[in-house]
Amino acid sequence: MSTYTHESMINHHGPGILSRLAETLHVWRQRYQSRRELAKWSERELHDIGVSWSDVAYEAEKPFWRA
């Protein structure tokens, strides 16, 4: 029969690995949603913020994991 010490029961993946994963997933979701929303804007709205359709197309085609 083995005994477990406190040291053997510690998570050795470092502090906050789950919180970092959750934050990454949150950023990816925001990025995806923002790009989809931007693709819906009218030409007038894009002009108001100084963005062209080619800028939108370039941004919308990026995968969500790319900044």
N, C-alpha and C. Protein backbone atom coordinates (compact mmCIF):
# COMPACT_ATOMS: atom_id res chain seq x y z
N MET A 1 0.85 -1.18 0.00
CA MET A 1 0.00 0.00 0.00
C MET A 1 0.89 1.24 0.00
N SER A 2 0.59 2.17 -0.86
CA SER A 2 1.40 3.38 -0.91
C SER A 2 0.70 4.52 -0.18
N THR A 3 1.49 5.43 0.28
CA THR A 3 0.93 6.61 0.92
C THR A 3 1.21 7.80 0.03
N TYR A 4 0.28 8.72 0.00
CA TYR A 4 0.44 9.93 -0.82
C TYR A 4 0.88 11.07 0.07
N THR A 5 1.87 11.77 -0.39
CA THR A 5 2.30 12.97 0.32
C THR A 5 1.61 14.17 -0.30
N HIS A 6 1.66 15.24 0.41
CA HIS A 6 1.08 16.48 -0.12
C HIS A 6 1.73 16.83 -1.45
N GLU A 7 3.03 16.68 -1.57
CA GLU A 7 3.77 17.01 -2.80
C GLU A 7 3.28 16.19 -3.98
N SER A 8 2.95 14.93 -3.75
CA SER A 8 2.54 14.08 -4.86
C SER A 8 1.14 14.42 -5.38
N MET A 9 0.39 15.19 -4.62
CA MET A 9 -0.97 15.51 -5.02
C MET A 9 -1.09 16.92 -5.60
N ILE A 10 0.02 17.61 -5.76
CA ILE A 10 0.01 18.97 -6.29
C ILE A 10 -0.10 18.92 -7.81
N ASN A 11 -0.86 19.83 -8.37
CA ASN A 11 -0.97 19.96 -9.81
C ASN A 11 0.32 20.60 -10.32
N HIS A 12 1.09 19.85 -11.07
CA HIS A 12 2.39 20.33 -11.54
C HIS A 12 2.32 21.04 -12.88
N HIS A 13 1.14 21.34 -13.36
CA HIS A 13 0.99 22.04 -14.63
C HIS A 13 1.12 23.54 -14.46
N GLY A 14 1.34 23.98 -13.29
CA GLY A 14 1.50 25.41 -13.04
C GLY A 14 0.19 26.03 -12.60
N PRO A 15 0.27 27.18 -11.97
CA PRO A 15 -0.94 27.84 -11.47
C PRO A 15 -1.78 28.40 -12.60
N GLY A 16 -3.05 28.20 -12.50
CA GLY A 16 -3.97 28.84 -13.42
C GLY A 16 -4.06 28.29 -14.82
N ILE A 17 -3.68 27.05 -15.04
CA ILE A 17 -3.73 26.52 -16.41
C ILE A 17 -5.17 26.52 -16.94
N LEU A 18 -6.11 26.20 -16.08
CA LEU A 18 -7.51 26.22 -16.52
C LEU A 18 -8.00 27.64 -16.79
N SER A 19 -7.56 28.57 -15.97
CA SER A 19 -7.98 29.96 -16.21
C SER A 19 -7.35 30.51 -17.47
N ARG A 20 -6.11 30.13 -17.77
CA ARG A 20 -5.47 30.57 -19.02
C ARG A 20 -6.17 29.95 -20.23
N LEU A 21 -6.56 28.69 -20.11
CA LEU A 21 -7.29 28.04 -21.19
C LEU A 21 -8.64 28.72 -21.40
N ALA A 22 -9.35 29.00 -20.32
CA ALA A 22 -10.64 29.68 -20.42
C ALA A 22 -10.49 31.05 -21.06
N GLU A 23 -9.45 31.78 -20.68
CA GLU A 23 -9.21 33.11 -21.26
C GLU A 23 -8.92 33.01 -22.76
N THR A 24 -8.13 32.03 -23.16
CA THR A 24 -7.82 31.83 -24.57
C THR A 24 -9.09 31.53 -25.36
N LEU A 25 -9.91 30.64 -24.84
CA LEU A 25 -11.17 30.30 -25.51
C LEU A 25 -12.09 31.52 -25.61
N HIS A 26 -12.10 32.34 -24.56
CA HIS A 26 -12.91 33.57 -24.56
C HIS A 26 -12.42 34.54 -25.65
N VAL A 27 -11.13 34.72 -25.74
CA VAL A 27 -10.55 35.61 -26.76
C VAL A 27 -10.88 35.10 -28.16
N TRP A 28 -10.73 33.80 -28.38
CA TRP A 28 -11.04 33.22 -29.68
C TRP A 28 -12.50 33.45 -30.05
N ARG A 29 -13.40 33.28 -29.09
CA ARG A 29 -14.83 33.47 -29.36
C ARG A 29 -15.13 34.94 -29.68
N GLN A 30 -14.54 35.84 -28.92
CA GLN A 30 -14.74 37.27 -29.19
C GLN A 30 -14.22 37.63 -30.58
N ARG A 31 -13.06 37.10 -30.92
CA ARG A 31 -12.45 37.39 -32.23
C ARG A 31 -13.36 36.89 -33.35
N TYR A 32 -13.87 35.68 -33.21
CA TYR A 32 -14.77 35.11 -34.20
C TYR A 32 -16.03 35.97 -34.36
N GLN A 33 -16.64 36.32 -33.23
CA GLN A 33 -17.86 37.12 -33.27
C GLN A 33 -17.62 38.51 -33.84
N SER A 34 -16.52 39.13 -33.48
CA SER A 34 -16.21 40.47 -33.98
C SER A 34 -16.01 40.46 -35.48
N ARG A 35 -15.32 39.46 -35.98
CA ARG A 35 -15.09 39.37 -37.42
C ARG A 35 -16.37 39.13 -38.19
N ARG A 36 -17.25 38.30 -37.67
CA ARG A 36 -18.54 38.06 -38.32
C ARG A 36 -19.38 39.33 -38.31
N GLU A 37 -19.36 40.05 -37.21
CA GLU A 37 -20.13 41.29 -37.11
C GLU A 37 -19.59 42.33 -38.09
N LEU A 38 -18.29 42.48 -38.16
CA LEU A 38 -17.68 43.45 -39.07
C LEU A 38 -18.05 43.15 -40.52
N ALA A 39 -18.15 41.89 -40.86
CA ALA A 39 -18.49 41.49 -42.23
C ALA A 39 -19.92 41.91 -42.59
N LYS A 40 -20.76 42.18 -41.61
CA LYS A 40 -22.15 42.59 -41.85
C LYS A 40 -22.32 44.10 -42.00
N TRP A 41 -21.30 44.87 -41.70
CA TRP A 41 -21.43 46.32 -41.72
C TRP A 41 -21.61 46.84 -43.15
N SER A 42 -22.31 47.95 -43.25
CA SER A 42 -22.54 48.58 -44.56
C SER A 42 -21.28 49.34 -44.98
N GLU A 43 -21.26 49.69 -46.25
CA GLU A 43 -20.12 50.45 -46.78
C GLU A 43 -20.00 51.80 -46.06
N ARG A 44 -21.13 52.41 -45.74
CA ARG A 44 -21.13 53.69 -45.03
C ARG A 44 -20.51 53.54 -43.63
N GLU A 45 -20.91 52.50 -42.91
CA GLU A 45 -20.36 52.27 -41.57
C GLU A 45 -18.86 52.02 -41.62
N LEU A 46 -18.43 51.27 -42.61
CA LEU A 46 -16.99 51.00 -42.76
C LEU A 46 -16.25 52.28 -43.09
N HIS A 47 -16.84 53.11 -43.96
CA HIS A 47 -16.22 54.38 -44.32
C HIS A 47 -16.05 55.27 -43.09
N ASP A 48 -17.06 55.26 -42.22
CA ASP A 48 -17.02 56.08 -41.01
C ASP A 48 -15.84 55.72 -40.09
N ILE A 49 -15.45 54.46 -40.08
CA ILE A 49 -14.32 54.05 -39.23
C ILE A 49 -13.03 53.91 -40.01
N GLY A 50 -13.08 54.23 -41.31
CA GLY A 50 -11.87 54.21 -42.13
C GLY A 50 -11.38 52.82 -42.51
N VAL A 51 -12.33 51.92 -42.75
CA VAL A 51 -11.99 50.55 -43.12
C VAL A 51 -12.59 50.26 -44.49
N SER A 52 -11.82 49.60 -45.33
CA SER A 52 -12.31 49.26 -46.67
C SER A 52 -12.85 47.83 -46.70
N TRP A 53 -13.59 47.52 -47.77
CA TRP A 53 -14.10 46.16 -47.92
C TRP A 53 -12.97 45.15 -47.99
N SER A 54 -11.86 45.52 -48.62
CA SER A 54 -10.73 44.58 -48.71
C SER A 54 -10.14 44.31 -47.33
N ASP A 55 -10.13 45.34 -46.47
CA ASP A 55 -9.68 45.14 -45.09
C ASP A 55 -10.59 44.15 -44.36
N VAL A 56 -11.88 44.32 -44.58
CA VAL A 56 -12.86 43.45 -43.93
C VAL A 56 -12.70 42.02 -44.45
N ALA A 57 -12.57 41.87 -45.74
CA ALA A 57 -12.40 40.54 -46.33
C ALA A 57 -11.15 39.86 -45.77
N TYR A 58 -10.07 40.60 -45.69
CA TYR A 58 -8.83 40.04 -45.16
C TYR A 58 -9.02 39.60 -43.71
N GLU A 59 -9.65 40.44 -42.92
CA GLU A 59 -9.85 40.13 -41.51
C GLU A 59 -10.83 38.97 -41.33
N ALA A 60 -11.92 38.97 -42.08
CA ALA A 60 -12.95 37.94 -41.95
C ALA A 60 -12.45 36.56 -42.36
N GLU A 61 -11.47 36.51 -43.25
CA GLU A 61 -10.96 35.23 -43.72
C GLU A 61 -9.95 34.60 -42.77
N LYS A 62 -9.49 35.37 -41.80
CA LYS A 62 -8.52 34.81 -40.84
C LYS A 62 -9.20 33.79 -39.95
N PRO A 63 -8.49 32.73 -39.58
CA PRO A 63 -9.05 31.81 -38.60
C PRO A 63 -9.09 32.48 -37.23
N PHE A 64 -10.00 32.03 -36.39
CA PHE A 64 -10.22 32.69 -35.09
C PHE A 64 -8.99 32.67 -34.19
N TRP A 65 -8.08 31.76 -34.38
CA TRP A 65 -6.91 31.69 -33.50
C TRP A 65 -5.81 32.67 -33.90
N ARG A 66 -5.95 33.30 -35.07
CA ARG A 66 -4.96 34.30 -35.49
C ARG A 66 -5.39 35.68 -35.09
N ALA A 67 -4.49 36.42 -34.48
CA ALA A 67 -4.79 37.80 -34.07
C ALA A 67 -4.80 38.70 -35.28
